[in-house]
Amino acid sequence: MLLPIIATENHQELTDIAISLGVAMQITNILRDVGEDQRDNNRIYLPKELMEKTGYSRQDLKNQTVNQSFILLWELLASRSEELYKIVKQNLLKFDSDSRFPVLLSANIYQEILNTVRKNQYDCFTIRNKTSLIRKLCLYREANRSLKNS
């Protein structure tokens, strides 16, 4: 929906890139909200096939179990999300110049949620993981610096 605004000239070419950003952010949301989705809404957005492959059960999820199976499952999805963020960043210069900074910053802030979950030992059951204000300010400066150097 935002693509014609952030890529007025290349929006057809950037459709797949914009979809990659949306999917990366959605995977990040799923990983961040695993506990809340199950506990409050009785919903599981983790892929059934990956749960089976890693040996993480619905009962484990209900019990809010963080074990090696959960970490493997979580990291498989996080890796996919990080691959998609990388694709977006590699194609950033194709976006309109005034859109590059917000696209990069939003990708970086969302990607940082994954690092926060890792720092919190994969606890996305009892902790609402988010990018802290201080870290957001650092990411703001980093994104600004990165774009000035490109």
Foldseek 3Di string as FASTA:
>chain_A
DCQCVFQVPCSVVCVVLVVLLVLLLVLLVLLLQLQVCCPVVVDHPQDPVLCVVLVNDPVCSVVQPDDPSNVVSSVVSLVSSVVSLVSNVVCLVNTPPVNSLVSQLVSVQSNVLSVQCVVVVVRSNPDNGGQDPVNSVVSSVVSVVVSVVD
